[in-house]
């Protein structure tokens, strides 16, 4: 996209996901990067919601108050059709993480909890988490939203 061209961006984002990835130690060397497996959109509920978001992002610029500003769709672009299969293929190929790492681990007593209520990391002896912000589900929002 040319730098001097005006544009607007609609980027659907899932703030709650059912798909579960993993972060594992690569080896015993603390300097080694972790092995991160995102497993994005593995759960069909996430895929359906992201596809619905992509469809909505295409409809919004067609509103009477915005359509006069729309010259063309840059992404996914007109070459990506409007049928379910084409949009799903695009979403699966292009969706990624926003890398908002704060508040992404579950805390508590449930089976998905990473840390318990005393901040002990489950499955790792003598390790506690500190220096992070605990976020409850009721405060869930996009970190850049004002």
Protein backbone atom coordinates (compact mmCIF):
# COMPACT_ATOMS: atom_id res chain seq x y z
CA UNK A 1 0.00 0.00 0.00
CA UNK A 2 1.50 3.40 -0.97
CA UNK A 3 2.55 5.54 2.02
CA UNK A 4 0.60 8.58 0.81
CA UNK A 5 -2.67 6.71 0.41
CA UNK A 6 -5.29 7.14 3.11
CA UNK A 7 -6.94 4.00 4.45
CA UNK A 8 -8.81 2.58 7.37
CA UNK A 9 -8.34 -0.81 8.98
CA UNK A 10 -10.84 -3.24 10.46
CA UNK A 11 -9.11 -6.14 12.20
CA UNK A 12 -11.37 -8.68 13.90
CA UNK A 13 -9.80 -10.10 17.05
CA UNK A 14 -10.84 -12.92 19.36
CA UNK A 15 -10.46 -11.78 22.96
CA UNK A 16 -11.49 -15.14 24.34
CA UNK A 17 -10.37 -18.35 22.66
CA UNK A 18 -11.25 -21.99 23.05
CA UNK A 19 -8.18 -23.22 21.15
CA UNK A 20 -5.32 -24.08 23.46
CA UNK A 21 -1.67 -23.91 22.51
CA UNK A 22 1.32 -24.57 24.70
CA UNK A 23 4.61 -23.10 25.86
CA UNK A 24 7.28 -25.62 26.80
CA UNK A 25 10.91 -25.45 27.79
CA UNK A 26 13.14 -26.39 24.88
CA UNK A 27 15.89 -27.73 27.17
CA UNK A 28 17.51 -27.07 30.56
CA UNK A 29 19.41 -24.00 29.31
CA UNK A 30 17.71 -20.87 30.69
CA UNK A 31 18.96 -18.87 27.69
CA UNK A 32 17.17 -21.13 25.20
CA UNK A 33 13.93 -19.73 23.80
CA UNK A 34 10.77 -21.60 24.74
CA UNK A 35 8.93 -23.83 22.28
CA UNK A 36 5.65 -22.04 21.54
CA UNK A 37 2.83 -23.82 19.71
CA UNK A 38 -0.04 -21.43 19.06
CA UNK A 39 -2.56 -23.91 17.66
CA UNK A 40 -4.69 -21.01 16.47
CA UNK A 41 -8.24 -21.78 15.36
CA UNK A 42 -7.94 -25.49 16.22
CA UNK A 43 -11.26 -25.23 18.04
CA UNK A 44 -14.00 -24.76 15.45
CA UNK A 45 -15.80 -22.23 17.68
CA UNK A 46 -12.82 -19.89 17.30
CA UNK A 47 -12.65 -20.43 13.55
CA UNK A 48 -16.37 -19.68 13.13
CA UNK A 49 -16.11 -16.50 15.20
CA UNK A 50 -13.07 -15.28 13.28
CA UNK A 51 -14.79 -15.98 9.96
CA UNK A 52 -17.86 -14.07 11.18
CA UNK A 53 -15.55 -11.20 12.13
CA UNK A 54 -14.01 -11.18 8.67
CA UNK A 55 -17.46 -11.05 7.10
CA UNK A 56 -18.49 -8.18 9.38
CA UNK A 57 -15.28 -6.29 8.57
CA UNK A 58 -16.26 -6.51 4.91
CA UNK A 59 -19.82 -5.27 5.56
CA UNK A 60 -19.01 -2.26 7.75
CA UNK A 61 -17.33 -0.16 5.00
CA UNK A 62 -20.42 -0.69 2.85
CA UNK A 63 -22.49 1.40 5.28
CA UNK A 64 -23.92 4.55 3.64
CA UNK A 65 -21.75 6.80 5.83
CA UNK A 66 -18.52 5.02 4.82
CA UNK A 67 -19.01 3.68 1.30
CA UNK A 68 -17.97 6.95 -0.33
CA UNK A 69 -14.52 6.57 1.23
CA UNK A 70 -13.98 3.02 0.03
CA UNK A 71 -12.01 2.76 -3.19
CA UNK A 72 -10.97 -0.85 -2.81
CA UNK A 73 -10.57 -3.62 -0.31
CA UNK A 74 -6.90 -4.27 0.33
CA UNK A 75 -7.22 -7.43 2.47
CA UNK A 76 -8.51 -10.00 1.98
CA UNK A 77 -9.14 -8.39 -1.41
CA UNK A 78 -11.70 -9.09 -4.09
CA UNK A 79 -9.73 -12.11 -5.27
CA UNK A 80 -10.87 -13.83 -2.07
CA UNK A 81 -14.46 -14.63 -2.80
CA UNK A 82 -17.40 -14.27 -0.46
CA UNK A 83 -18.23 -17.94 -0.16
CA UNK A 84 -17.65 -19.74 3.14
CA UNK A 85 -14.74 -21.85 1.88
CA UNK A 86 -12.75 -18.93 0.45
CA UNK A 87 -13.13 -16.81 3.58
CA UNK A 88 -12.28 -19.74 5.85
CA UNK A 89 -9.11 -20.47 3.85
CA UNK A 90 -8.07 -16.82 4.09
CA UNK A 91 -8.79 -16.61 7.83
CA UNK A 92 -6.89 -19.82 8.57
CA UNK A 93 -3.91 -18.69 6.48
CA UNK A 94 -3.69 -15.11 7.76
CA UNK A 95 -4.91 -15.09 11.38
CA UNK A 96 -2.25 -14.69 14.02
CA UNK A 97 -1.78 -13.55 17.57
CA UNK A 98 -1.77 -9.96 18.72
CA UNK A 99 0.90 -10.90 21.26
CA UNK A 100 -0.82 -9.23 24.20
CA UNK A 101 0.89 -11.39 26.78
CA UNK A 102 -0.40 -9.68 29.93
CA UNK A 103 -3.10 -11.59 31.74
CA UNK A 104 -3.04 -14.63 29.50
CA UNK A 105 -2.67 -17.37 32.08
CA UNK A 106 -5.49 -18.77 34.14
CA UNK A 107 -5.26 -18.42 37.90
CA UNK A 108 -7.18 -20.39 40.48
CA UNK A 109 -8.13 -23.95 41.31
CA UNK A 110 -9.59 -25.16 38.01
CA UNK A 111 -7.95 -27.67 35.67
CA UNK A 112 -6.78 -24.91 33.28
CA UNK A 113 -5.19 -22.80 36.03
CA UNK A 114 -1.49 -22.16 35.46
CA UNK A 115 -0.95 -20.69 38.93
CA UNK A 116 -2.86 -21.39 42.12
CA UNK A 117 -4.23 -18.75 44.48
CA UNK A 118 -0.85 -18.60 46.25
CA UNK A 119 0.89 -17.89 42.90
CA UNK A 120 2.57 -21.32 42.77
CA UNK A 121 3.11 -22.53 39.20
CA UNK A 122 1.33 -25.85 38.76
CA UNK A 123 3.61 -28.74 37.85
CA UNK A 124 6.83 -26.93 38.76
CA UNK A 125 8.23 -27.33 42.26
CA UNK A 126 9.43 -24.25 44.15
CA UNK A 127 8.37 -21.73 41.50
CA UNK A 128 5.98 -18.85 42.10
CA UNK A 129 4.92 -16.08 39.75
CA UNK A 130 5.40 -12.49 40.85
CA UNK A 131 5.33 -9.10 39.22
CA UNK A 132 2.32 -9.64 36.98
CA UNK A 133 -1.17 -8.23 36.88
CA UNK A 134 -3.96 -10.65 37.61
CA UNK A 135 -6.90 -10.14 35.27
CA UNK A 136 -10.31 -11.56 35.91
CA UNK A 137 -12.70 -12.47 33.11
CA UNK A 138 -14.96 -9.51 33.90
CA UNK A 139 -12.16 -7.05 33.02
CA UNK A 140 -11.53 -8.61 29.63
CA UNK A 141 -11.01 -6.02 26.90
CA UNK A 142 -8.58 -5.13 24.19
CA UNK A 143 -5.48 -3.63 25.77
CA UNK A 144 -5.43 -0.72 23.28
CA UNK A 145 -9.10 0.19 23.67
CA UNK A 146 -9.75 3.53 25.30
